Amino acid sequence: MRIGILGATGPAGRGLAARLADVGHEVIAGSREKAKAEAVVAELTEKWGERVARITPGDNSDACNADVVVLAVNADAALDTCRNFAEELQGRIVVSMANHLQRNGNEFNAILPPHGSIAKEIQVLLWKSQVVTAFHLVPAAEFGRLDEAMESDVVACGDDDDARNTLMEIIRTIPDLRAFDGGSLENAVGMETFAAVLLTINIRHKVRAGLRLSGV
């Protein structure tokens, strides 16, 4: 599948680009400046060679020209990015992976926007797109470690059934990731807020825990 990544030069974006390319997807790595994307792709190629040959660098506008577009920018920039590219994202499946969190001492707390979640805010802005969510609980650094298996479960939420199923199909192409249907965007708030709990556990217990569902 052809997948665009907005903000592919950040930790989550570059790692996800590498992981998706390694399993056979065509990836457009977008950035505000194409030169930054070219530099990151060059670094990934130097490290991983042909495993990331399916990544093409571009600017964020180039990354919008894909079947599925992932918002890998941080939460503070996610809404502005959607406003700037709303026209280019019309008719696309748009994946939100943002958690709006604030650190207070040795814990994280979720900051909830007026519509309840970042994903719902994005859907209001991108009302001609199909917004879905995933990867909220996957540490960004794990995407880029291509020689290590990703042992995690990923919950996908979205109002459009076809878009949600497409996202789950993409998730399942990554070895050892399991995809689960989390229902509509109303449930995205649960994943975004649980990210604060999971990070707090990791800080206080000095571990690197992820999500794994039992009994399934």
Protein backbone atom coordinates (compact mmCIF):
# COMPACT_ATOMS: atom_id res chain seq x y z
CA MET A 1 0.00 0.00 0.00
CA ARG A 2 1.08 3.58 -0.61
CA ILE A 3 1.38 5.32 2.76
CA GLY A 4 2.28 8.96 3.41
CA ILE A 5 3.72 10.12 6.71
CA LEU A 6 3.41 13.74 7.77
CA GLY A 7 6.26 14.56 10.12
CA ALA A 8 8.42 11.64 9.08
CA THR A 9 11.59 13.28 10.39
CA GLY A 10 10.57 12.94 14.04
CA PRO A 11 11.28 9.85 16.18
CA ALA A 12 7.90 8.20 15.60
CA GLY A 13 7.62 9.18 11.95
CA ARG A 14 11.04 8.03 10.82
CA GLY A 15 10.76 4.76 12.74
CA LEU A 16 7.30 4.03 11.36
CA ALA A 17 8.47 4.86 7.83
CA ALA A 18 11.33 2.39 8.15
CA ARG A 19 9.13 -0.34 9.64
CA LEU A 20 6.44 0.00 6.97
CA ALA A 21 8.96 0.05 4.12
CA ASP A 22 10.69 -3.01 5.55
CA VAL A 23 7.46 -5.04 5.24
CA GLY A 24 6.81 -3.95 1.67
CA HIS A 25 4.75 -0.74 1.72
CA GLU A 26 5.57 2.24 -0.49
CA VAL A 27 6.20 5.11 1.92
CA ILE A 28 6.35 8.85 1.26
CA ALA A 29 8.32 10.45 4.08
CA GLY A 30 7.07 14.00 4.45
CA SER A 31 8.50 17.00 6.27
CA ARG A 32 7.94 20.74 6.25
CA GLU A 33 11.19 20.92 4.26
CA LYS A 34 11.95 18.26 1.67
CA ALA A 35 15.67 18.59 2.40
CA LYS A 36 15.10 17.38 5.98
CA ALA A 37 13.20 14.36 4.68
CA GLU A 38 15.99 13.62 2.21
CA ALA A 39 18.56 13.75 5.02
CA VAL A 40 16.55 11.37 7.21
CA VAL A 41 15.98 8.90 4.37
CA ALA A 42 19.71 9.01 3.62
CA GLU A 43 20.44 8.16 7.26
CA LEU A 44 17.95 5.30 7.24
CA THR A 45 19.39 3.97 3.97
CA GLU A 46 22.93 4.10 5.35
CA LYS A 47 21.81 2.03 8.34
CA TRP A 48 19.33 -0.39 6.78
CA GLY A 49 20.16 -0.45 3.07
CA GLU A 50 17.64 -2.16 0.78
CA ARG A 51 15.28 -2.79 3.67
CA VAL A 52 14.13 0.84 3.44
CA ALA A 53 14.43 1.24 -0.32
CA ARG A 54 10.68 1.82 -0.63
CA ILE A 55 10.84 5.16 1.21
CA THR A 56 10.63 8.28 -0.97
CA PRO A 57 11.44 11.65 0.64
CA GLY A 58 9.21 14.66 0.03
CA ASP A 59 7.50 17.55 1.74
CA ASN A 60 4.29 17.17 3.71
CA SER A 61 2.22 18.04 0.65
CA ASP A 62 3.82 15.11 -1.21
CA ALA A 63 2.99 12.81 1.70
CA CYS A 64 -0.69 13.71 1.40
CA ASN A 65 -0.74 12.02 -2.02
CA ALA A 66 -1.24 8.51 -0.68
CA ASP A 67 -4.02 6.03 0.03
CA VAL A 68 -3.40 6.32 3.76
CA VAL A 69 -1.76 9.29 5.48
CA VAL A 70 -0.30 9.05 8.98
CA LEU A 71 -0.05 12.12 11.22
CA ALA A 72 3.24 11.48 12.99
CA VAL A 73 3.62 15.06 14.21
CA ASN A 74 3.36 15.76 17.94
CA ALA A 75 0.02 16.61 19.49
CA ASP A 76 0.75 20.34 19.66
CA ALA A 77 1.25 20.46 15.89
CA ALA A 78 -1.38 17.93 14.81
CA LEU A 79 -4.36 20.28 14.54
CA ASP A 80 -2.44 23.03 12.72
CA THR A 81 -1.09 20.43 10.30
CA CYS A 82 -4.64 19.25 9.59
CA ARG A 83 -5.81 22.81 8.96
CA ASN A 84 -2.93 23.42 6.56
CA PHE A 85 -3.52 20.24 4.52
CA ALA A 86 -7.28 19.78 4.83
CA GLU A 87 -7.83 20.16 1.09
CA GLU A 88 -5.07 17.69 0.14
CA LEU A 89 -6.39 15.16 2.66
CA GLN A 90 -9.93 15.08 1.31
CA GLY A 91 -11.05 11.51 0.66
CA ARG A 92 -7.96 10.04 2.35
CA ILE A 93 -7.73 7.71 5.31
CA VAL A 94 -5.93 9.79 7.95
CA VAL A 95 -4.31 8.03 10.91
CA SER A 96 -3.90 9.92 14.18
CA MET A 97 -1.36 8.57 16.65
CA ALA A 98 -1.12 11.67 18.86
CA ASN A 99 -1.50 11.74 22.62
CA HIS A 100 -1.85 15.18 24.23
CA LEU A 101 0.01 14.62 27.49
CA GLN A 102 1.66 16.78 30.12
CA ARG A 103 4.35 15.61 32.50
CA ASN A 104 3.91 16.52 36.15
CA GLY A 105 6.81 15.25 38.20
CA ASN A 106 7.01 11.47 37.90
CA GLU A 107 3.70 11.04 36.11
CA PHE A 108 1.91 11.99 32.91
CA ASN A 109 -1.60 13.44 32.67
CA ALA A 110 -3.83 13.63 29.61
CA ILE A 111 -5.04 17.02 28.36
CA LEU A 112 -8.44 16.60 26.74
CA PRO A 113 -9.61 19.01 24.03
CA PRO A 114 -13.25 20.22 23.68
CA HIS A 115 -14.40 17.25 21.56
CA GLY A 116 -12.90 14.75 23.99
CA SER A 117 -9.86 13.50 22.05
CA ILE A 118 -7.29 14.69 19.55
CA ALA A 119 -8.79 12.24 17.04
CA LYS A 120 -12.26 13.76 17.35
CA GLU A 121 -10.80 17.26 16.92
CA ILE A 122 -9.03 16.09 13.77
CA GLN A 123 -12.22 14.56 12.37
CA VAL A 124 -14.04 17.87 12.87
CA LEU A 125 -11.32 19.64 10.90
CA LEU A 126 -11.03 16.91 8.25
CA TRP A 127 -14.73 16.28 7.77
CA LYS A 128 -14.12 15.09 4.20
CA SER A 129 -11.54 12.51 5.34
CA GLN A 130 -11.86 9.20 7.19
CA VAL A 131 -9.99 9.64 10.47
CA VAL A 132 -8.79 6.56 12.33
CA THR A 133 -6.44 6.10 15.26
CA ALA A 134 -3.71 3.65 16.25
CA PHE A 135 -0.22 3.26 17.76
CA HIS A 136 -0.98 5.39 20.85
CA LEU A 137 0.72 2.94 23.20
CA VAL A 138 3.70 1.93 21.06
CA PRO A 139 6.99 3.61 22.11
CA ALA A 140 8.32 5.64 19.18
CA ALA A 141 11.83 4.18 19.42
CA GLU A 142 10.57 0.62 18.90
CA PHE A 143 9.43 1.31 15.33
CA GLY A 144 12.96 2.04 14.15
CA ARG A 145 14.61 -1.06 15.66
CA LEU A 146 14.08 -3.22 12.61
CA ASP A 147 16.07 -6.15 13.97
CA GLU A 148 13.80 -6.40 17.02
CA ALA A 149 10.27 -7.79 17.05
CA MET A 150 7.52 -5.42 18.12
CA GLU A 151 5.60 -7.24 20.83
CA SER A 152 2.50 -5.12 21.19
CA ASP A 153 -1.22 -5.02 20.61
CA VAL A 154 -2.61 -2.06 18.68
CA VAL A 155 -6.20 -0.86 19.01
CA ALA A 156 -7.70 0.93 16.00
CA CYS A 157 -10.66 3.29 16.34
CA GLY A 158 -12.63 5.10 13.65
CA ASP A 159 -16.16 5.89 12.52
CA ASP A 160 -15.71 4.47 9.01
CA ASP A 161 -15.67 0.66 8.98
CA ASP A 162 -13.69 0.33 5.75
CA ALA A 163 -11.06 2.81 6.90
CA ARG A 164 -10.72 1.09 10.26
CA ASN A 165 -10.35 -2.33 8.60
CA THR A 166 -7.76 -0.97 6.18
CA LEU A 167 -5.73 0.35 9.08
CA MET A 168 -5.90 -2.99 10.87
CA GLU A 169 -4.69 -4.74 7.72
CA ILE A 170 -1.67 -2.42 7.66
CA ILE A 171 -0.94 -3.07 11.34
CA ARG A 172 -1.05 -6.83 10.79
CA THR A 173 1.62 -6.62 8.07
CA ILE A 174 4.13 -5.76 10.80
CA PRO A 175 5.33 -9.03 12.36
CA ASP A 176 4.25 -9.66 15.97
CA LEU A 177 1.85 -6.70 16.09
CA ARG A 178 -1.75 -7.68 16.72
CA ALA A 179 -4.56 -5.38 15.58
CA PHE A 180 -7.86 -5.05 17.41
CA ASP A 181 -11.05 -3.22 16.49
CA GLY A 182 -11.70 -0.61 19.17
CA GLY A 183 -14.89 0.76 17.64
CA SER A 184 -15.76 4.35 16.78
CA LEU A 185 -13.80 7.54 17.40
CA GLU A 186 -15.79 7.95 20.62
CA ASN A 187 -13.42 5.35 22.09
CA ALA A 188 -10.25 7.09 20.94
CA VAL A 189 -10.28 9.09 24.17
CA GLY A 190 -9.68 5.85 26.06
CA MET A 191 -6.50 5.09 24.14
CA GLU A 192 -5.19 8.66 24.31
CA THR A 193 -5.74 8.92 28.05
CA PHE A 194 -4.43 5.43 28.83
CA ALA A 195 -1.14 6.50 27.26
CA ALA A 196 -0.68 8.76 30.29
CA VAL A 197 -1.22 5.82 32.63
CA LEU A 198 1.16 3.57 30.70
CA LEU A 199 3.93 6.17 30.65
CA THR A 200 3.45 6.80 34.36
CA ILE A 201 3.82 3.07 35.04
CA ASN A 202 7.00 2.99 32.98
CA ILE A 203 8.46 5.95 34.86
CA ARG A 204 7.56 4.79 38.35
CA HIS A 205 8.48 1.13 37.83
CA LYS A 206 11.46 1.86 35.57
CA VAL A 207 10.19 -0.50 32.86
CA ARG A 208 9.24 -0.33 29.18
CA ALA A 209 5.76 -1.81 29.29
CA GLY A 210 3.35 -1.95 26.36
CA LEU A 211 -0.18 -3.14 25.76
CA ARG A 212 -0.92 -6.87 25.48
CA LEU A 213 -4.50 -8.15 25.65
CA SER A 214 -5.05 -11.53 27.29
CA GLY A 215 -7.61 -14.14 26.37
CA VAL A 216 -7.61 -13.38 22.64
